């Protein structure tokens, strides 16, 4: 199958992950004092060489990120240290994905708001 060929060829070069956060009902008000630390955790990912597309959905019922990083331990570290997850304000999951376009700049243009 061509899908499997694409899947395995991408695994050799870059790893992309879809991180999903499903917020609980109280997120809108409870996120305010935690937002700075949440952003710090995202910055730590970037400082480790990760590239990130994404953010919160409106009206604050969740967030999605596409993250390009070579080490999925970076994703696990983000999830474990994210204050939204630690304070039970969000259920966070992740999975490796295999986009058909391996150029992160082009992906960010496709998935950015205009």
C-alpha atoms as a PDB file:
ATOM      1  CA  UNK A   1       0.000   0.000   0.000  1.00  0.00           C
ATOM      2  CA  UNK A   2       1.263   3.460  -0.797  1.00  0.00           C
ATOM      3  CA  UNK A   3       0.129   4.736   2.615  1.00  0.00           C
ATOM      4  CA  UNK A   4       2.552   2.407   4.354  1.00  0.00           C
ATOM      5  CA  UNK A   5       5.370   3.515   2.065  1.00  0.00           C
ATOM      6  CA  UNK A   6       4.744   7.143   2.947  1.00  0.00           C
ATOM      7  CA  UNK A   7       4.420   6.320   6.623  1.00  0.00           C
ATOM      8  CA  UNK A   8       7.740   4.536   6.856  1.00  0.00           C
ATOM      9  CA  UNK A   9       9.670   6.982   4.692  1.00  0.00           C
ATOM     10  CA  UNK A  10       8.633   9.863   6.973  1.00  0.00           C
ATOM     11  CA  UNK A  11       9.697   7.959  10.082  1.00  0.00           C
ATOM     12  CA  UNK A  12      13.288   8.082   8.818  1.00  0.00           C
ATOM     13  CA  UNK A  13      13.486  11.883   8.745  1.00  0.00           C
ATOM     14  CA  UNK A  14      11.194  13.723  11.157  1.00  0.00           C
ATOM     15  CA  UNK A  15       8.729  12.749  13.810  1.00  0.00           C
ATOM     16  CA  UNK A  16       5.444  14.613  13.973  1.00  0.00           C
ATOM     17  CA  UNK A  17       3.033  14.311  16.872  1.00  0.00           C
ATOM     18  CA  UNK A  18      -0.531  15.453  17.338  1.00  0.00           C
ATOM     19  CA  UNK A  19      -1.046  16.581  20.931  1.00  0.00           C
ATOM     20  CA  UNK A  20      -4.670  16.970  21.954  1.00  0.00           C
ATOM     21  CA  UNK A  21      -5.877  18.689  25.101  1.00  0.00           C
ATOM     22  CA  UNK A  22      -9.539  18.370  26.034  1.00  0.00           C
ATOM     23  CA  UNK A  23     -10.394  21.053  28.592  1.00  0.00           C
ATOM     24  CA  UNK A  24     -12.861  20.591  31.412  1.00  0.00           C
ATOM     25  CA  UNK A  25     -15.731  23.017  31.976  1.00  0.00           C
ATOM     26  CA  UNK A  26     -13.842  25.192  34.443  1.00  0.00           C
ATOM     27  CA  UNK A  27     -10.893  25.838  32.165  1.00  0.00           C
ATOM     28  CA  UNK A  28     -11.778  29.371  31.105  1.00  0.00           C
ATOM     29  CA  UNK A  29     -11.308  30.872  34.573  1.00  0.00           C
ATOM     30  CA  UNK A  30      -8.790  28.453  36.050  1.00  0.00           C
ATOM     31  CA  UNK A  31      -6.295  28.718  33.195  1.00  0.00           C
ATOM     32  CA  UNK A  32      -5.466  32.366  33.854  1.00  0.00           C
ATOM     33  CA  UNK A  33      -2.959  31.891  36.722  1.00  0.00           C
ATOM     34  CA  UNK A  34      -1.467  28.834  34.957  1.00  0.00           C
ATOM     35  CA  UNK A  35      -1.117  30.225  31.444  1.00  0.00           C
ATOM     36  CA  UNK A  36       2.392  31.615  31.922  1.00  0.00           C
ATOM     37  CA  UNK A  37       3.742  28.253  33.111  1.00  0.00           C
ATOM     38  CA  UNK A  38       1.902  26.492  30.258  1.00  0.00           C
ATOM     39  CA  UNK A  39       3.654  28.805  27.793  1.00  0.00           C
ATOM     40  CA  UNK A  40       6.982  28.161  29.559  1.00  0.00           C
ATOM     41  CA  UNK A  41       6.528  24.431  28.980  1.00  0.00           C
ATOM     42  CA  UNK A  42       5.921  25.066  25.278  1.00  0.00           C
ATOM     43  CA  UNK A  43       9.048  27.265  25.180  1.00  0.00           C
ATOM     44  CA  UNK A  44      11.060  24.423  26.742  1.00  0.00           C
ATOM     45  CA  UNK A  45       9.967  22.211  23.856  1.00  0.00           C
ATOM     46  CA  UNK A  46      11.105  24.842  21.380  1.00  0.00           C
ATOM     47  CA  UNK A  47      14.455  25.220  23.154  1.00  0.00           C
ATOM     48  CA  UNK A  48      14.982  21.478  22.636  1.00  0.00           C
ATOM     49  CA  UNK A  49      14.605  21.982  18.883  1.00  0.00           C
ATOM     50  CA  UNK A  50      10.891  21.233  18.538  1.00  0.00           C
ATOM     51  CA  UNK A  51       8.689  23.107  16.093  1.00  0.00           C
ATOM     52  CA  UNK A  52       5.073  23.732  17.099  1.00  0.00           C
ATOM     53  CA  UNK A  53       1.890  24.641  15.216  1.00  0.00           C
ATOM     54  CA  UNK A  54      -1.370  25.024  17.092  1.00  0.00           C
ATOM     55  CA  UNK A  55      -3.112  26.429  20.106  1.00  0.00           C
ATOM     56  CA  UNK A  56      -6.410  26.651  21.917  1.00  0.00           C
ATOM     57  CA  UNK A  57      -9.781  26.234  20.292  1.00  0.00           C
ATOM     58  CA  UNK A  58     -12.491  28.768  20.806  1.00  0.00           C
ATOM     59  CA  UNK A  59     -14.454  28.806  23.142  1.00  0.00           C
ATOM     60  CA  UNK A  60     -11.742  27.110  25.228  1.00  0.00           C
ATOM     61  CA  UNK A  61     -12.930  23.537  24.968  1.00  0.00           C
ATOM     62  CA  UNK A  62      -9.522  22.187  23.973  1.00  0.00           C
ATOM     63  CA  UNK A  63      -6.255  22.685  22.145  1.00  0.00           C
ATOM     64  CA  UNK A  64      -4.362  20.909  19.402  1.00  0.00           C
ATOM     65  CA  UNK A  65      -0.681  21.058  18.548  1.00  0.00           C
ATOM     66  CA  UNK A  66       1.329  19.554  15.725  1.00  0.00           C
ATOM     67  CA  UNK A  67       4.835  19.145  17.093  1.00  0.00           C
ATOM     68  CA  UNK A  68       7.911  18.203  15.094  1.00  0.00           C
ATOM     69  CA  UNK A  69      10.585  16.693  17.354  1.00  0.00           C
ATOM     70  CA  UNK A  70      13.005  13.817  17.035  1.00  0.00           C
ATOM     71  CA  UNK A  71      12.409  12.544  20.577  1.00  0.00           C
ATOM     72  CA  UNK A  72       8.939  11.621  21.810  1.00  0.00           C
ATOM     73  CA  UNK A  73      10.288  11.941  25.373  1.00  0.00           C
ATOM     74  CA  UNK A  74      10.035  15.701  24.762  1.00  0.00           C
ATOM     75  CA  UNK A  75       6.293  15.251  24.251  1.00  0.00           C
ATOM     76  CA  UNK A  76       5.959  13.120  27.382  1.00  0.00           C
ATOM     77  CA  UNK A  77       7.889  15.729  29.385  1.00  0.00           C
ATOM     78  CA  UNK A  78       5.615  18.506  28.135  1.00  0.00           C
ATOM     79  CA  UNK A  79       2.500  16.541  29.086  1.00  0.00           C
ATOM     80  CA  UNK A  80       3.801  15.548  32.517  1.00  0.00           C
ATOM     81  CA  UNK A  81       4.916  19.094  33.375  1.00  0.00           C
ATOM     82  CA  UNK A  82       2.067  21.061  31.812  1.00  0.00           C
ATOM     83  CA  UNK A  83       0.083  22.808  34.561  1.00  0.00           C
ATOM     84  CA  UNK A  84      -3.203  22.277  32.713  1.00  0.00           C
ATOM     85  CA  UNK A  85      -2.679  18.526  32.903  1.00  0.00           C
ATOM     86  CA  UNK A  86      -1.208  18.556  36.415  1.00  0.00           C
ATOM     87  CA  UNK A  87      -4.214  20.489  37.764  1.00  0.00           C
ATOM     88  CA  UNK A  88      -6.751  18.253  36.024  1.00  0.00           C
ATOM     89  CA  UNK A  89      -7.967  21.069  33.806  1.00  0.00           C
ATOM     90  CA  UNK A  90      -7.145  19.153  30.632  1.00  0.00           C
ATOM     91  CA  UNK A  91      -6.903  15.571  29.519  1.00  0.00           C
ATOM     92  CA  UNK A  92      -3.835  15.470  27.277  1.00  0.00           C
ATOM     93  CA  UNK A  93      -3.055  12.739  24.759  1.00  0.00           C
ATOM     94  CA  UNK A  94      -0.640  12.397  21.874  1.00  0.00           C
ATOM     95  CA  UNK A  95       0.001  10.202  18.887  1.00  0.00           C
ATOM     96  CA  UNK A  96       2.594  10.132  16.153  1.00  0.00           C
ATOM     97  CA  UNK A  97       1.239  11.298  12.806  1.00  0.00           C
ATOM     98  CA  UNK A  98       2.586  11.047   9.283  1.00  0.00           C
ATOM     99  CA  UNK A  99       1.739  14.175   7.262  1.00  0.00           C
ATOM    100  CA  UNK A 100       2.076  13.935   3.528  1.00  0.00           C
ATOM    101  CA  UNK A 101       4.166  17.106   3.541  1.00  0.00           C
ATOM    102  CA  UNK A 102       7.424  16.910   5.515  1.00  0.00           C
ATOM    103  CA  UNK A 103       8.223  20.625   5.166  1.00  0.00           C
ATOM    104  CA  UNK A 104       7.331  22.250   8.491  1.00  0.00           C
ATOM    105  CA  UNK A 105       7.156  25.786   7.048  1.00  0.00           C
ATOM    106  CA  UNK A 106       4.640  24.661   4.435  1.00  0.00           C
ATOM    107  CA  UNK A 107       2.643  22.774   7.074  1.00  0.00           C
ATOM    108  CA  UNK A 108       2.493  25.877   9.259  1.00  0.00           C
ATOM    109  CA  UNK A 109       1.123  27.893   6.334  1.00  0.00           C
ATOM    110  CA  UNK A 110      -1.553  25.265   5.695  1.00  0.00           C
ATOM    111  CA  UNK A 111      -2.690  25.165   9.324  1.00  0.00           C
ATOM    112  CA  UNK A 112      -2.348  28.813  10.324  1.00  0.00           C
ATOM    113  CA  UNK A 113      -5.251  31.209  10.673  1.00  0.00           C
ATOM    114  CA  UNK A 114      -5.336  33.937   8.062  1.00  0.00           C
END
